[in-house]
Amino acid sequence: MKSRTTLLFLLFLLACPGCAMFAPQKDVSRFYTLGSHSIVAMPPDETDVNLVVINLLLDEIPSYADCPYITKKVAGNKLVFSEVDRWAEPFGDACIRVLQDELSEKMRRCAMIVSSMHTIGNTLVCDYRISIDFDDLIYNDEEKSVVLKCTWTFFDYAKRRQLCVYKYAASTPVDTDALENIIEGMRIALAALSSDIADRIHELNLLPTCHHSAGIATDGKN
């Protein structure tokens, strides 16, 4: 009988307009973004018939990174998810934006970098595709660095074949474990990956105008 009375009382509180069992809690979440959100690449010359279009795709990202809460790895192989620090957009989208900006800057004289799952058969016809599969992208607190490991491929749409497959792994040191430094370390790690991708694509000698472009790195140096 007592439990029934308690249940009826709870139902009354829930049904009563303006009544609340709990005081409203202030949202203390802090939202962060990745990258500069600025114009980093000069627009290509639209009259250049040698300009190719490269589609940039992110195939996979670790589940621990593909979540709203910013994550880091600590001692004992533990993953710590922040209770208040969150990404302002899907993390995969942020990574693609940074990579697209960086690749557009490094390959601006010979290629247009686009990023769309629906590019083929829609408004653009692409010549090549860069696909990236992340195995690791996280701040390691023990090593004080951002660890980035991935596999990326370069695909020729016209020939319908994969031209190359590369494994990439790098560790980017972070001065302090302040969150802003960690996020900047992630951006730097993605920029380094884009440099590696651009260099290796140049080595394939598929983009003729790149050979005559000042400021394009072919040996890892700008």
C-alpha atoms as a PDB file:
ATOM      1  CA  MET A   1       0.000   0.000   0.000  1.00  0.00           C
ATOM      2  CA  LYS A   2       2.827   2.342   0.885  1.00  0.00           C
ATOM      3  CA  SER A   3       4.640   1.705  -2.382  1.00  0.00           C
ATOM      4  CA  ARG A   4       1.418   2.326  -4.300  1.00  0.00           C
ATOM      5  CA  THR A   5       0.933   5.655  -2.560  1.00  0.00           C
ATOM      6  CA  THR A   6       4.515   6.651  -3.344  1.00  0.00           C
ATOM      7  CA  LEU A   7       4.043   5.747  -7.007  1.00  0.00           C
ATOM      8  CA  LEU A   8       0.833   7.789  -7.244  1.00  0.00           C
ATOM      9  CA  PHE A   9       2.607  10.758  -5.647  1.00  0.00           C
ATOM     10  CA  LEU A  10       5.458  10.555  -8.168  1.00  0.00           C
ATOM     11  CA  LEU A  11       2.992  10.352 -11.038  1.00  0.00           C
ATOM     12  CA  PHE A  12       1.207  13.423  -9.680  1.00  0.00           C
ATOM     13  CA  LEU A  13       4.467  15.404  -9.583  1.00  0.00           C
ATOM     14  CA  LEU A  14       5.305  14.446 -13.148  1.00  0.00           C
ATOM     15  CA  ALA A  15       1.832  15.374 -14.393  1.00  0.00           C
ATOM     16  CA  CYS A  16       1.578  18.639 -12.476  1.00  0.00           C
ATOM     17  CA  PRO A  17       2.460  21.631 -14.756  1.00  0.00           C
ATOM     18  CA  GLY A  18       5.391  23.621 -13.432  1.00  0.00           C
ATOM     19  CA  CYS A  19       6.349  20.941 -10.952  1.00  0.00           C
ATOM     20  CA  ALA A  20       9.872  19.547 -11.026  1.00  0.00           C
ATOM     21  CA  MET A  21      11.492  16.857  -8.953  1.00  0.00           C
ATOM     22  CA  PHE A  22      14.988  18.069  -9.783  1.00  0.00           C
ATOM     23  CA  ALA A  23      16.416  21.547 -10.064  1.00  0.00           C
ATOM     24  CA  PRO A  24      17.595  22.384 -13.612  1.00  0.00           C
ATOM     25  CA  GLN A  25      21.320  21.908 -14.046  1.00  0.00           C
ATOM     26  CA  LYS A  26      23.539  24.367 -15.892  1.00  0.00           C
ATOM     27  CA  ASP A  27      25.278  22.898 -18.932  1.00  0.00           C
ATOM     28  CA  VAL A  28      29.013  23.295 -18.258  1.00  0.00           C
ATOM     29  CA  SER A  29      30.137  21.741 -21.550  1.00  0.00           C
ATOM     30  CA  ARG A  30      32.955  23.451 -23.429  1.00  0.00           C
ATOM     31  CA  PHE A  31      33.039  23.035 -27.197  1.00  0.00           C
ATOM     32  CA  TYR A  32      36.223  22.943 -29.274  1.00  0.00           C
ATOM     33  CA  THR A  33      36.988  22.866 -32.963  1.00  0.00           C
ATOM     34  CA  LEU A  34      39.938  21.555 -34.932  1.00  0.00           C
ATOM     35  CA  GLY A  35      41.867  23.687 -37.402  1.00  0.00           C
ATOM     36  CA  SER A  36      41.998  27.370 -38.174  1.00  0.00           C
ATOM     37  CA  HIS A  37      38.705  27.846 -40.078  1.00  0.00           C
ATOM     38  CA  SER A  38      40.488  30.226 -42.435  1.00  0.00           C
ATOM     39  CA  ILE A  39      41.211  30.475 -46.158  1.00  0.00           C
ATOM     40  CA  VAL A  40      44.558  28.748 -46.554  1.00  0.00           C
ATOM     41  CA  ALA A  41      44.731  27.965 -50.279  1.00  0.00           C
ATOM     42  CA  MET A  42      44.816  30.201 -53.319  1.00  0.00           C
ATOM     43  CA  PRO A  43      42.050  29.381 -55.808  1.00  0.00           C
ATOM     44  CA  PRO A  44      43.330  27.377 -58.786  1.00  0.00           C
ATOM     45  CA  ASP A  45      43.460  28.833 -62.283  1.00  0.00           C
ATOM     46  CA  GLU A  46      40.183  27.727 -63.834  1.00  0.00           C
ATOM     47  CA  THR A  47      41.690  27.928 -67.339  1.00  0.00           C
ATOM     48  CA  ASP A  48      44.365  25.336 -66.511  1.00  0.00           C
ATOM     49  CA  VAL A  49      43.307  22.238 -68.453  1.00  0.00           C
ATOM     50  CA  ASN A  50      45.895  20.181 -66.560  1.00  0.00           C
ATOM     51  CA  LEU A  51      44.155  20.724 -63.245  1.00  0.00           C
ATOM     52  CA  VAL A  52      42.849  17.427 -61.866  1.00  0.00           C
ATOM     53  CA  VAL A  53      40.164  16.837 -59.260  1.00  0.00           C
ATOM     54  CA  ILE A  54      40.977  14.616 -56.282  1.00  0.00           C
ATOM     55  CA  ASN A  55      38.243  13.310 -54.024  1.00  0.00           C
ATOM     56  CA  LEU A  56      39.257  13.043 -50.356  1.00  0.00           C
ATOM     57  CA  LEU A  57      37.416  10.439 -48.280  1.00  0.00           C
ATOM     58  CA  LEU A  58      37.687   9.247 -44.695  1.00  0.00           C
ATOM     59  CA  ASP A  59      36.838   5.555 -44.629  1.00  0.00           C
ATOM     60  CA  GLU A  60      37.135   4.822 -40.915  1.00  0.00           C
ATOM     61  CA  ILE A  61      38.038   6.373 -37.605  1.00  0.00           C
ATOM     62  CA  PRO A  62      38.477   4.629 -34.214  1.00  0.00           C
ATOM     63  CA  SER A  63      35.274   4.481 -32.188  1.00  0.00           C
ATOM     64  CA  TYR A  64      36.958   6.130 -29.197  1.00  0.00           C
ATOM     65  CA  ALA A  65      37.674   9.194 -31.362  1.00  0.00           C
ATOM     66  CA  ASP A  66      34.343   9.170 -33.153  1.00  0.00           C
ATOM     67  CA  CYS A  67      32.403  10.465 -30.171  1.00  0.00           C
ATOM     68  CA  PRO A  68      31.421  13.934 -28.895  1.00  0.00           C
ATOM     69  CA  TYR A  69      33.754  13.882 -25.898  1.00  0.00           C
ATOM     70  CA  ILE A  70      37.467  14.648 -26.241  1.00  0.00           C
ATOM     71  CA  THR A  71      39.481  11.566 -25.332  1.00  0.00           C
ATOM     72  CA  LYS A  72      43.036  10.892 -24.216  1.00  0.00           C
ATOM     73  CA  LYS A  73      45.031   7.803 -23.317  1.00  0.00           C
ATOM     74  CA  VAL A  74      46.581   7.661 -19.830  1.00  0.00           C
ATOM     75  CA  ALA A  75      48.658   5.156 -17.848  1.00  0.00           C
ATOM     76  CA  GLY A  76      47.523   1.551 -17.829  1.00  0.00           C
ATOM     77  CA  ASN A  77      46.095   1.711 -21.343  1.00  0.00           C
ATOM     78  CA  LYS A  78      43.068   3.567 -20.012  1.00  0.00           C
ATOM     79  CA  LEU A  79      40.996   5.918 -22.131  1.00  0.00           C
ATOM     80  CA  VAL A  80      39.649   8.977 -20.359  1.00  0.00           C
ATOM     81  CA  PHE A  81      36.616  10.731 -21.829  1.00  0.00           C
ATOM     82  CA  SER A  82      36.226  14.321 -20.702  1.00  0.00           C
ATOM     83  CA  GLU A  83      32.956  15.087 -18.939  1.00  0.00           C
ATOM     84  CA  VAL A  84      32.803  18.688 -20.143  1.00  0.00           C
ATOM     85  CA  ASP A  85      35.157  19.124 -23.118  1.00  0.00           C
ATOM     86  CA  ARG A  86      33.431  18.239 -26.376  1.00  0.00           C
ATOM     87  CA  TRP A  87      33.928  18.526 -30.114  1.00  0.00           C
ATOM     88  CA  ALA A  88      31.719  21.124 -31.776  1.00  0.00           C
ATOM     89  CA  GLU A  89      31.259  18.845 -34.813  1.00  0.00           C
ATOM     90  CA  PRO A  90      31.764  15.172 -35.673  1.00  0.00           C
ATOM     91  CA  PHE A  91      35.477  14.504 -35.225  1.00  0.00           C
ATOM     92  CA  GLY A  92      35.772  12.796 -38.608  1.00  0.00           C
ATOM     93  CA  ASP A  93      34.360  15.889 -40.334  1.00  0.00           C
ATOM     94  CA  ALA A  94      36.901  18.053 -38.522  1.00  0.00           C
ATOM     95  CA  CYS A  95      39.783  15.805 -39.628  1.00  0.00           C
ATOM     96  CA  ILE A  96      38.641  15.888 -43.248  1.00  0.00           C
ATOM     97  CA  ARG A  97      38.387  19.690 -43.177  1.00  0.00           C
ATOM     98  CA  VAL A  98      41.946  20.056 -41.863  1.00  0.00           C
ATOM     99  CA  LEU A  99      43.322  17.549 -44.377  1.00  0.00           C
ATOM    100  CA  GLN A 100      41.441  19.189 -47.235  1.00  0.00           C
ATOM    101  CA  ASP A 101      42.789  22.632 -46.301  1.00  0.00           C
ATOM    102  CA  GLU A 102      46.342  21.358 -45.974  1.00  0.00           C
ATOM    103  CA  LEU A 103      46.289  19.330 -49.199  1.00  0.00           C
ATOM    104  CA  SER A 104      44.688  22.227 -51.082  1.00  0.00           C
ATOM    105  CA  GLU A 105      47.552  24.460 -49.973  1.00  0.00           C
ATOM    106  CA  LYS A 106      50.268  21.953 -50.867  1.00  0.00           C
ATOM    107  CA  MET A 107      48.766  20.965 -54.248  1.00  0.00           C
ATOM    108  CA  ARG A 108      47.066  24.213 -55.263  1.00  0.00           C
ATOM    109  CA  ARG A 109      48.919  24.502 -58.607  1.00  0.00           C
ATOM    110  CA  CYS A 110      48.018  21.063 -59.908  1.00  0.00           C
ATOM    111  CA  ALA A 111      44.914  19.686 -58.207  1.00  0.00           C
ATOM    112  CA  MET A 112      41.577  20.656 -56.752  1.00  0.00           C
ATOM    113  CA  ILE A 113      40.851  18.781 -53.523  1.00  0.00           C
ATOM    114  CA  VAL A 114      37.182  18.101 -52.868  1.00  0.00           C
ATOM    115  CA  SER A 115      35.519  16.066 -50.178  1.00  0.00           C
ATOM    116  CA  SER A 116      32.132  14.509 -50.844  1.00  0.00           C
ATOM    117  CA  MET A 117      30.680  11.036 -50.591  1.00  0.00           C
ATOM    118  CA  HIS A 118      28.489  11.884 -53.595  1.00  0.00           C
ATOM    119  CA  THR A 119      31.041  13.504 -55.885  1.00  0.00           C
ATOM    120  CA  ILE A 120      30.911  10.848 -58.606  1.00  0.00           C
ATOM    121  CA  GLY A 121      27.674  11.053 -60.565  1.00  0.00           C
ATOM    122  CA  ASN A 122      26.730  14.374 -59.025  1.00  0.00           C
ATOM    123  CA  THR A 123      28.221  17.772 -59.895  1.00  0.00           C
ATOM    124  CA  LEU A 124      31.923  16.913 -60.170  1.00  0.00           C
ATOM    125  CA  VAL A 125      33.780  14.181 -61.978  1.00  0.00           C
ATOM    126  CA  CYS A 126      36.945  13.256 -60.114  1.00  0.00           C
ATOM    127  CA  ASP A 127      40.176  11.970 -61.589  1.00  0.00           C
ATOM    128  CA  TYR A 128      41.575  10.384 -58.419  1.00  0.00           C
ATOM    129  CA  ARG A 129      40.538   9.471 -54.897  1.00  0.00           C
ATOM    130  CA  ILE A 130      42.454   9.605 -51.627  1.00  0.00           C
ATOM    131  CA  SER A 131      40.947   7.278 -49.007  1.00  0.00           C
ATOM    132  CA  ILE A 132      42.172   7.342 -45.408  1.00  0.00           C
ATOM    133  CA  ASP A 133      41.569   4.730 -42.732  1.00  0.00           C
ATOM    134  CA  PHE A 134      42.672   5.857 -39.255  1.00  0.00           C
ATOM    135  CA  ASP A 135      43.917   3.182 -36.859  1.00  0.00           C
ATOM    136  CA  ASP A 136      44.910   5.641 -34.127  1.00  0.00           C
ATOM    137  CA  LEU A 137      44.472   9.365 -33.542  1.00  0.00           C
ATOM    138  CA  ILE A 138      44.787  10.244 -29.868  1.00  0.00           C
ATOM    139  CA  TYR A 139      46.809  12.140 -27.290  1.00  0.00           C
ATOM    140  CA  ASN A 140      49.027   9.789 -25.259  1.00  0.00           C
ATOM    141  CA  ASP A 141      49.526  11.342 -21.823  1.00  0.00           C
ATOM    142  CA  GLU A 142      52.449   9.062 -20.933  1.00  0.00           C
ATOM    143  CA  GLU A 143      54.405  10.023 -24.046  1.00  0.00           C
ATOM    144  CA  LYS A 144      53.118  13.635 -24.112  1.00  0.00           C
ATOM    145  CA  SER A 145      52.402  13.353 -27.807  1.00  0.00           C
ATOM    146  CA  VAL A 146      49.641  12.876 -30.365  1.00  0.00           C
ATOM    147  CA  VAL A 147      49.832   9.444 -31.970  1.00  0.00           C
ATOM    148  CA  LEU A 148      48.559   9.151 -35.534  1.00  0.00           C
ATOM    149  CA  LYS A 149      48.513   5.867 -37.438  1.00  0.00           C
ATOM    150  CA  CYS A 150      46.616   5.237 -40.627  1.00  0.00           C
ATOM    151  CA  THR A 151      46.498   3.526 -44.011  1.00  0.00           C
ATOM    152  CA  TRP A 152      45.781   5.625 -47.072  1.00  0.00           C
ATOM    153  CA  THR A 153      45.257   4.721 -50.713  1.00  0.00           C
ATOM    154  CA  PHE A 154      45.316   6.560 -54.033  1.00  0.00           C
ATOM    155  CA  PHE A 155      42.775   5.390 -56.616  1.00  0.00           C
ATOM    156  CA  ASP A 156      42.574   6.183 -60.345  1.00  0.00           C
ATOM    157  CA  TYR A 157      38.917   6.501 -61.426  1.00  0.00           C
ATOM    158  CA  ALA A 158      39.656   6.316 -65.157  1.00  0.00           C
ATOM    159  CA  LYS A 159      41.728   3.139 -64.911  1.00  0.00           C
ATOM    160  CA  ARG A 160      39.529   1.766 -62.114  1.00  0.00           C
ATOM    161  CA  ARG A 161      42.520   0.627 -60.112  1.00  0.00           C
ATOM    162  CA  GLN A 162      44.379   1.436 -56.946  1.00  0.00           C
ATOM    163  CA  LEU A 163      47.713   3.100 -57.643  1.00  0.00           C
ATOM    164  CA  CYS A 164      49.304   2.848 -54.199  1.00  0.00           C
ATOM    165  CA  VAL A 165      48.740   1.861 -50.569  1.00  0.00           C
ATOM    166  CA  TYR A 166      50.747   3.420 -47.736  1.00  0.00           C
ATOM    167  CA  LYS A 167      50.977   2.822 -44.019  1.00  0.00           C
ATOM    168  CA  TYR A 168      51.687   5.966 -42.017  1.00  0.00           C
ATOM    169  CA  ALA A 169      52.661   6.349 -38.356  1.00  0.00           C
ATOM    170  CA  ALA A 170      53.978   9.399 -36.524  1.00  0.00           C
ATOM    171  CA  SER A 171      54.159  10.891 -33.046  1.00  0.00           C
ATOM    172  CA  THR A 172      53.765  14.658 -32.588  1.00  0.00           C
ATOM    173  CA  PRO A 173      55.182  16.040 -29.294  1.00  0.00           C
ATOM    174  CA  VAL A 174      52.931  18.290 -27.206  1.00  0.00           C
ATOM    175  CA  ASP A 175      54.568  20.803 -24.838  1.00  0.00           C
ATOM    176  CA  THR A 176      51.979  20.599 -22.059  1.00  0.00           C
ATOM    177  CA  ASP A 177      48.812  18.619 -21.442  1.00  0.00           C
ATOM    178  CA  ALA A 178      46.647  21.748 -21.643  1.00  0.00           C
ATOM    179  CA  LEU A 179      43.672  20.937 -23.839  1.00  0.00           C
ATOM    180  CA  GLU A 180      44.405  23.748 -26.294  1.00  0.00           C
ATOM    181  CA  ASN A 181      47.907  22.313 -26.814  1.00  0.00           C
ATOM    182  CA  ILE A 182      46.514  18.811 -27.360  1.00  0.00           C
ATOM    183  CA  ILE A 183      44.073  20.064 -29.992  1.00  0.00           C
ATOM    184  CA  GLU A 184      46.824  22.029 -31.730  1.00  0.00           C
ATOM    185  CA  GLY A 185      48.999  18.894 -31.628  1.00  0.00           C
ATOM    186  CA  MET A 186      46.234  17.013 -33.444  1.00  0.00           C
ATOM    187  CA  ARG A 187      46.105  19.694 -36.121  1.00  0.00           C
ATOM    188  CA  ILE A 188      49.884  19.548 -36.574  1.00  0.00           C
ATOM    189  CA  ALA A 189      49.744  15.745 -36.796  1.00  0.00           C
ATOM    190  CA  LEU A 190      47.109  15.943 -39.548  1.00  0.00           C
ATOM    191  CA  ALA A 191      49.153  18.591 -41.383  1.00  0.00           C
ATOM    192  CA  ALA A 192      52.198  16.286 -41.303  1.00  0.00           C
ATOM    193  CA  LEU A 193      50.075  13.470 -42.741  1.00  0.00           C
ATOM    194  CA  SER A 194      48.894  15.724 -45.556  1.00  0.00           C
ATOM    195  CA  SER A 195      52.512  16.627 -46.354  1.00  0.00           C
ATOM    196  CA  ASP A 196      53.408  12.958 -46.611  1.00  0.00           C
ATOM    197  CA  ILE A 197      50.425  12.278 -48.874  1.00  0.00           C
ATOM    198  CA  ALA A 198      51.223  15.220 -51.152  1.00  0.00           C
ATOM    199  CA  ASP A 199      54.897  14.238 -51.430  1.00  0.00           C
ATOM    200  CA  ARG A 200      54.120  10.632 -52.339  1.00  0.00           C
ATOM    201  CA  ILE A 201      51.517  11.634 -54.928  1.00  0.00           C
ATOM    202  CA  HIS A 202      54.006  14.013 -56.531  1.00  0.00           C
ATOM    203  CA  GLU A 203      56.477  11.114 -56.777  1.00  0.00           C
ATOM    204  CA  LEU A 204      53.965   9.213 -58.926  1.00  0.00           C
ATOM    205  CA  ASN A 205      54.388  11.884 -61.649  1.00  0.00           C
ATOM    206  CA  LEU A 206      50.698  11.835 -62.487  1.00  0.00           C
ATOM    207  CA  LEU A 207      50.057  15.569 -62.100  1.00  0.00           C
ATOM    208  CA  PRO A 208      52.191  17.278 -64.779  1.00  0.00           C
ATOM    209  CA  THR A 209      51.819  20.889 -63.665  1.00  0.00           C
ATOM    210  CA  CYS A 210      53.217  20.098 -60.213  1.00  0.00           C
ATOM    211  CA  HIS A 211      56.732  19.857 -61.672  1.00  0.00           C
ATOM    212  CA  HIS A 212      56.629  23.541 -62.614  1.00  0.00           C
ATOM    213  CA  SER A 213      55.009  24.887 -59.447  1.00  0.00           C
ATOM    214  CA  ALA A 214      57.064  26.950 -57.056  1.00  0.00           C
ATOM    215  CA  GLY A 215      56.577  26.148 -53.420  1.00  0.00           C
ATOM    216  CA  ILE A 216      55.488  22.547 -53.964  1.00  0.00           C
ATOM    217  CA  ALA A 217      57.518  20.141 -51.857  1.00  0.00           C
ATOM    218  CA  THR A 218      58.747  16.957 -53.516  1.00  0.00           C
ATOM    219  CA  ASP A 219      61.474  16.033 -51.050  1.00  0.00           C
ATOM    220  CA  GLY A 220      59.722  16.755 -47.742  1.00  0.00           C
ATOM    221  CA  LYS A 221      60.950  20.376 -47.619  1.00  0.00           C
ATOM    222  CA  ASN A 222      59.103  23.571 -48.492  1.00  0.00           C
END
